[in-house]
Protein backbone atom coordinates (compact mmCIF):
# COMPACT_ATOMS: atom_id res chain seq x y z
CA UNK A 1 -39.32 -21.34 -31.03
CA UNK A 2 -40.23 -21.72 -27.41
CA UNK A 3 -37.21 -23.94 -26.83
CA UNK A 4 -34.89 -21.32 -28.30
CA UNK A 5 -36.38 -18.52 -26.17
CA UNK A 6 -36.30 -20.54 -22.93
CA UNK A 7 -32.67 -19.72 -21.97
CA UNK A 8 -33.38 -15.99 -22.27
CA UNK A 9 -36.52 -16.36 -20.14
CA UNK A 10 -34.57 -18.33 -17.52
CA UNK A 11 -31.80 -15.74 -17.50
CA UNK A 12 -34.30 -12.94 -17.00
CA UNK A 13 -35.96 -14.88 -14.18
CA UNK A 14 -32.63 -15.49 -12.41
CA UNK A 15 -31.65 -11.86 -12.86
CA UNK A 16 -34.92 -10.67 -11.30
CA UNK A 17 -34.44 -13.04 -8.38
CA UNK A 18 -30.89 -11.84 -7.86
CA UNK A 19 -31.97 -8.20 -7.89
CA UNK A 20 -34.69 -8.90 -5.33
CA UNK A 21 -32.29 -10.52 -2.84
CA UNK A 22 -30.62 -8.36 -0.17
CA UNK A 23 -27.01 -7.46 -0.90
CA UNK A 24 -24.51 -9.65 0.90
CA UNK A 25 -21.81 -7.84 2.87
CA UNK A 26 -18.29 -8.05 1.49
CA UNK A 27 -16.04 -10.49 3.26
CA UNK A 28 -13.80 -8.62 5.70
CA UNK A 29 -10.09 -9.24 5.47
CA UNK A 30 -7.88 -9.24 8.56
CA UNK A 31 -4.67 -7.29 7.98
CA UNK A 32 -2.70 -9.95 9.83
CA UNK A 33 -3.90 -12.49 7.26
CA UNK A 34 -2.72 -10.45 4.27
CA UNK A 35 0.73 -11.36 2.90
CA UNK A 36 3.27 -8.54 3.39
CA UNK A 37 3.54 -6.12 0.53
CA UNK A 38 6.51 -6.16 -1.81
CA UNK A 39 9.53 -4.36 -0.39
CA UNK A 40 9.01 -5.25 3.28
CA UNK A 41 12.28 -6.58 4.70
CA UNK A 42 12.73 -9.98 6.28
CA UNK A 43 13.21 -8.62 9.81
CA UNK A 44 10.05 -6.54 9.49
CA UNK A 45 8.15 -9.61 8.30
CA UNK A 46 9.37 -11.60 11.30
CA UNK A 47 8.30 -8.83 13.70
CA UNK A 48 4.83 -8.65 12.13
CA UNK A 49 4.45 -12.45 12.20
CA UNK A 50 5.32 -12.58 15.90
CA UNK A 51 2.96 -9.75 16.88
CA UNK A 52 0.09 -11.00 14.69
CA UNK A 53 0.48 -14.54 15.99
CA UNK A 54 -0.03 -13.35 19.55
CA UNK A 55 -2.99 -11.18 18.59
CA UNK A 56 -4.71 -14.23 17.10
CA UNK A 57 -4.05 -16.18 20.31
CA UNK A 58 -5.91 -13.56 22.34
CA UNK A 59 -8.98 -13.74 20.06
CA UNK A 60 -8.15 -10.57 18.08
CA UNK A 61 -9.41 -7.80 20.41
CA UNK A 62 -9.11 -4.29 18.94
CA UNK A 63 -9.59 -0.56 19.45
CA UNK A 64 -11.37 1.13 16.57
CA UNK A 65 -10.40 4.38 14.86
CA UNK A 66 -12.62 6.32 17.27
CA UNK A 67 -10.61 5.05 20.23
CA UNK A 68 -13.26 2.67 21.53
CA UNK A 69 -12.57 -0.88 22.65
CA UNK A 70 -14.64 -2.84 20.16
CA UNK A 71 -13.76 -6.37 21.24
CA UNK A 72 -12.37 -7.97 24.39
CA UNK A 73 -12.26 -11.70 25.09
CA UNK A 74 -9.79 -12.75 27.79
CA UNK A 75 -7.35 -10.89 30.02
CA UNK A 76 -3.95 -11.28 31.63
CA UNK A 77 -4.63 -13.07 34.93
CA UNK A 78 -7.36 -15.42 33.74
CA UNK A 79 -6.94 -19.18 33.74
CA UNK A 80 -8.93 -19.64 30.53
CA UNK A 81 -7.38 -21.00 27.36
CA UNK A 82 -6.24 -18.87 24.48
CA UNK A 83 -7.28 -19.47 20.89
CA UNK A 84 -5.02 -22.49 20.41
CA UNK A 85 -7.08 -24.22 23.15
CA UNK A 86 -3.96 -25.13 25.08
CA UNK A 87 -2.12 -22.08 26.37
CA UNK A 88 -3.43 -20.47 29.54
CA UNK A 89 -3.74 -16.68 29.48
CA UNK A 90 -1.75 -15.81 32.60
CA UNK A 91 0.93 -18.39 31.80
CA UNK A 92 1.38 -16.81 28.36
CA UNK A 93 2.00 -13.41 29.96
CA UNK A 94 4.50 -15.00 32.36
CA UNK A 95 6.19 -16.43 29.27
CA UNK A 96 6.55 -12.94 27.76
CA UNK A 97 8.48 -11.94 30.86
CA UNK A 98 10.67 -15.05 31.01
CA UNK A 99 11.40 -15.54 27.32
CA UNK A 100 12.19 -11.87 26.65
CA UNK A 101 14.82 -11.73 29.38
CA UNK A 102 12.96 -8.89 31.12
CA UNK A 103 11.95 -10.82 34.25
CA UNK A 104 15.38 -10.93 35.92
CA UNK A 105 15.58 -7.13 36.36
CA UNK A 106 12.25 -7.36 38.20
CA UNK A 107 13.48 -10.10 40.55
CA UNK A 108 13.29 -7.99 43.72
CA UNK A 109 9.56 -7.35 43.29
CA UNK A 110 7.00 -9.60 45.01
CA UNK A 111 5.98 -12.53 42.86
CA UNK A 112 8.66 -12.10 40.20
CA UNK A 113 10.67 -15.13 41.31
CA UNK A 114 7.50 -17.20 41.32
CA UNK A 115 7.05 -16.37 37.62
CA UNK A 116 10.49 -17.84 36.99
CA UNK A 117 9.18 -21.22 38.14
CA UNK A 118 7.24 -23.44 35.80
CA UNK A 119 3.47 -23.39 36.47
CA UNK A 120 1.78 -26.11 38.47
CA UNK A 121 2.55 -25.25 42.09
CA UNK A 122 -0.37 -23.46 43.74
CA UNK A 123 1.71 -21.08 45.89
CA UNK A 124 4.02 -19.91 43.12
CA UNK A 125 1.15 -19.76 40.64
CA UNK A 126 -0.82 -17.40 42.87
CA UNK A 127 2.22 -15.22 43.53
CA UNK A 128 3.08 -15.05 39.82
CA UNK A 129 -0.46 -14.07 38.86
CA UNK A 130 -0.36 -11.28 41.45
CA UNK A 131 2.90 -10.05 39.92
CA UNK A 132 1.32 -10.00 36.45
CA UNK A 133 -1.58 -7.87 37.67
CA UNK A 134 0.63 -5.45 39.62
CA UNK A 135 3.30 -4.81 36.98
CA UNK A 136 2.80 -3.46 33.43
CA UNK A 137 3.98 -6.01 30.86
CA UNK A 138 3.67 -4.00 27.65
CA UNK A 139 7.46 -3.53 27.35
CA UNK A 140 8.00 -7.21 28.13
CA UNK A 141 5.62 -8.01 25.26
CA UNK A 142 7.49 -5.77 22.78
CA UNK A 143 10.79 -7.28 23.98
CA UNK A 144 9.35 -10.77 23.49
CA UNK A 145 8.28 -9.92 19.93
CA UNK A 146 11.80 -8.65 19.18
CA UNK A 147 13.36 -11.77 20.69
CA UNK A 148 10.98 -14.02 18.75
CA UNK A 149 11.80 -12.16 15.53
CA UNK A 150 15.54 -12.33 16.31
CA UNK A 151 15.99 -8.57 15.85
CA UNK A 152 19.74 -7.98 16.27
CA UNK A 153 20.84 -5.45 18.87
CA UNK A 154 17.42 -4.60 20.27
CA UNK A 155 17.67 -3.18 23.83
CA UNK A 156 15.17 -5.51 25.49
CA UNK A 157 13.88 -4.01 28.73
CA UNK A 158 10.87 -4.00 31.07
CA UNK A 159 10.66 -0.23 30.35
CA UNK A 160 9.86 1.23 26.95
CA UNK A 161 11.93 4.34 27.58
CA UNK A 162 15.13 2.27 27.52
CA UNK A 163 14.82 1.27 23.88
CA UNK A 164 13.45 4.69 22.95
CA UNK A 165 16.65 6.15 24.41
CA UNK A 166 18.77 3.57 22.60
CA UNK A 167 17.15 4.52 19.29
CA UNK A 168 17.91 8.18 19.96
CA UNK A 169 21.50 7.46 20.96
CA UNK A 170 22.45 5.24 18.03
CA UNK A 171 20.30 6.89 15.39
CA UNK A 172 20.15 3.50 13.68
CA UNK A 173 23.94 3.35 13.38
CA UNK A 174 24.65 -0.01 14.96
CA UNK A 175 21.13 -0.38 16.36
CA UNK A 176 17.92 -1.73 14.84
CA UNK A 177 15.89 1.47 15.31
CA UNK A 178 16.22 5.24 14.98
CA UNK A 179 14.02 7.73 16.79
CA UNK A 180 11.91 9.95 14.52
CA UNK A 181 8.99 12.35 14.73
CA UNK A 182 5.67 10.53 14.11
CA UNK A 183 4.20 13.77 12.78
CA UNK A 184 6.75 13.87 9.97
CA UNK A 185 7.74 10.32 8.97
CA UNK A 186 5.53 7.57 7.64
CA UNK A 187 5.12 4.43 9.80
CA UNK A 188 5.75 1.07 8.17
CA UNK A 189 5.54 -2.60 9.21
CA UNK A 190 8.11 -3.46 11.87
CA UNK A 191 8.27 0.07 13.30
CA UNK A 192 7.30 0.98 16.87
CA UNK A 193 4.95 3.85 17.70
CA UNK A 194 5.10 5.18 21.26
CA UNK A 195 3.31 7.67 23.47
CA UNK A 196 4.26 9.31 26.77
CA UNK A 197 2.16 8.57 29.84
CA UNK A 198 1.24 10.49 32.96
CA UNK A 199 2.84 13.78 31.94
CA UNK A 200 1.39 17.06 33.22
CA UNK A 201 1.22 18.30 29.61
CA UNK A 202 1.81 16.84 26.14
CA UNK A 203 5.47 17.07 25.08
CA UNK A 204 5.39 15.51 21.60
CA UNK A 205 8.57 14.53 19.78
CA UNK A 206 10.48 17.77 20.40
CA UNK A 207 10.01 17.63 24.16
CA UNK A 208 10.98 13.97 24.32
CA UNK A 209 14.08 14.42 22.14
CA UNK A 210 15.25 17.41 24.19
CA UNK A 211 14.86 15.50 27.45
CA UNK A 212 16.76 12.50 26.08
CA UNK A 213 19.59 14.71 24.77
CA UNK A 214 19.87 16.41 28.17
CA UNK A 215 20.20 13.08 29.96
CA UNK A 216 16.67 13.14 31.35
CA UNK A 217 13.61 10.94 30.91
CA UNK A 218 15.24 8.02 32.74
CA UNK A 219 12.08 7.16 34.64
CA UNK A 220 9.50 8.51 32.23
CA UNK A 221 6.50 6.29 31.71
CA UNK A 222 5.72 5.43 28.11
CA UNK A 223 4.07 2.80 25.96
CA UNK A 224 5.03 1.37 22.56
CA UNK A 225 3.18 -0.80 20.06
CA UNK A 226 4.27 -2.69 16.95
CA UNK A 227 3.23 -1.44 13.52
CA UNK A 228 1.87 -4.44 11.60
CA UNK A 229 0.27 -2.67 8.62
CA UNK A 230 -0.11 0.83 7.21
CA UNK A 231 -2.63 1.99 4.62
CA UNK A 232 -3.58 -1.57 3.70
CA UNK A 233 -5.55 -1.42 0.48
CA UNK A 234 -5.49 2.38 0.64
CA UNK A 235 -7.70 2.51 3.76
CA UNK A 236 -5.70 5.33 5.39
CA UNK A 237 -5.45 3.31 8.60
CA UNK A 238 -2.47 2.40 10.75
CA UNK A 239 -2.63 -0.98 12.50
CA UNK A 240 -0.70 -1.48 15.74
CA UNK A 241 -0.45 -4.43 18.14
CA UNK A 242 0.46 -3.89 21.76
CA UNK A 243 0.51 -5.90 24.97
CA UNK A 244 -1.06 -4.99 28.30
CA UNK A 245 -3.62 -2.77 26.53
CA UNK A 246 -6.88 -3.37 28.41
CA UNK A 247 -4.94 -6.22 30.07
CA UNK A 248 -4.65 -8.22 26.86
CA UNK A 249 -2.93 -8.15 23.43
CA UNK A 250 -4.85 -5.60 21.36
CA UNK A 251 -4.82 -4.28 17.81
CA UNK A 252 -5.24 -0.51 17.62
CA UNK A 253 -6.44 1.38 14.55
CA UNK A 254 -5.27 4.96 13.98
CA UNK A 255 -6.09 7.31 11.09
CA UNK A 256 -3.50 8.22 8.47
CA UNK A 257 -3.62 11.20 6.15
CA UNK A 258 -3.42 10.92 2.37
CA UNK A 259 0.39 10.95 2.47
CA UNK A 260 0.53 7.99 4.88
CA UNK A 261 1.48 10.01 7.96
CA UNK A 262 -0.24 9.69 11.33
CA UNK A 263 -3.12 12.09 11.95
CA UNK A 264 -1.95 13.57 15.23
CA UNK A 265 -4.66 14.15 17.85
CA UNK A 266 -5.28 17.77 18.77
CA UNK A 267 -3.48 18.79 21.94
CA UNK A 268 -5.09 22.24 22.06
CA UNK A 269 -7.18 21.62 25.15
CA UNK A 270 -6.81 19.26 28.10
CA UNK A 271 -3.79 16.90 28.24
CA UNK A 272 -4.35 13.15 27.88
CA UNK A 273 -4.17 12.55 31.64
CA UNK A 274 -7.03 14.99 32.20
CA UNK A 275 -9.06 13.39 29.42
CA UNK A 276 -8.63 9.95 30.96
CA UNK A 277 -9.86 11.29 34.30
CA UNK A 278 -12.88 12.89 32.65
CA UNK A 279 -14.00 9.74 30.83
CA UNK A 280 -17.34 8.62 32.24
CA UNK A 281 -20.77 7.40 31.07
CA UNK A 282 -21.95 10.98 31.13
CA UNK A 283 -19.01 12.24 29.04
CA UNK A 284 -18.59 9.65 26.34
CA UNK A 285 -16.95 12.15 23.99
CA UNK A 286 -13.86 12.19 26.24
CA UNK A 287 -13.42 8.41 26.17
CA UNK A 288 -10.82 7.97 23.43
CA UNK A 289 -8.01 5.47 23.96
CA UNK A 290 -6.28 6.80 20.85
CA UNK A 291 -6.02 10.34 22.23
CA UNK A 292 -2.41 10.07 23.43
CA UNK A 293 0.81 12.05 23.32
CA UNK A 294 2.29 10.13 20.37
CA UNK A 295 5.86 11.37 20.76
CA UNK A 296 8.08 8.71 19.17
CA UNK A 297 8.19 6.69 15.99
CA UNK A 298 10.99 4.14 16.06
CA UNK A 299 11.87 3.40 12.45
CA UNK A 300 13.26 -0.04 11.76
CA UNK A 301 16.70 0.12 10.16
CA UNK A 302 16.97 -2.75 7.73
CA UNK A 303 18.73 -3.22 4.44
CA UNK A 304 16.15 -3.29 1.63
CA UNK A 305 15.48 -6.71 0.09
CA UNK A 306 17.42 -7.64 -3.01
CA UNK A 307 15.86 -6.32 -6.19
CA UNK A 308 15.06 -8.76 -9.02
CA UNK A 309 17.62 -8.86 -11.84
CA UNK A 310 16.97 -6.58 -14.85
CA UNK A 311 14.45 -8.04 -17.23
CA UNK A 312 12.70 -10.12 -14.59
CA UNK A 313 9.51 -9.41 -12.68
CA UNK A 314 9.50 -9.47 -8.92
CA UNK A 315 6.55 -11.18 -7.28
CA UNK A 316 4.60 -8.77 -5.05
CA UNK A 317 4.03 -10.08 -1.54
């Protein structure tokens, strides 16, 4: 009798032990490590792969949904190695400029020609690193991602406003992107989300579109990041990857509403430029890197992937 009851006793003992142990946290999943969902086109997949690959190299720094930098490992002008233990940080940034084709237009600026040379010479190395610090490389990074993903017809440029304008002009007819209102359309992998910088007041999509249609905005400062995931697992979060954010390659998290659209930050009070100036240890509530004038969503124009034949089951990815 005792032998027959022993398994039940053992089971009860193990159950009690299990209940007394502290709960283990669930294993976190990186969105860049999740296979793309079914229906994402091949060009979008290539864009996401390129952006995610670079984010991994820079040790996955990110900005959380509250607009705080939650992780930062290595920055643009450092001589330390990236995550593959071979590439040097500043040389990788120089590669974004060279390999995207955006360095030549900058040739007249000090240090640009030194970045065209291969690293190893002390004089040119120092000049190139100075160029990298002095000149924003976020558009060069986006252009590099598009070149790496072989996106046809993308207007690669050292200025974001150039490919924003191209998306407005073509409307996706003959170009890879069309300009849309981020308050109205849902972002998806492969898209670009952009904000305007250093404006006296927020303009949003309507102000940007009007300026572009009137032939203005030629020298407007802006910033775009690559959408790599949206509402992954129903988390109502948008995941972006951008270069030259905090002088590195950063993932940014933004909130989405229940329909999958971006939750636009309130522009009722001070403009973003004023908020940035007010950010200080004594005013932590104003320190929000996500509080921007998100004025442009560039939707990727790509033919949908072929559907499985009738009677067959497509494999979600």
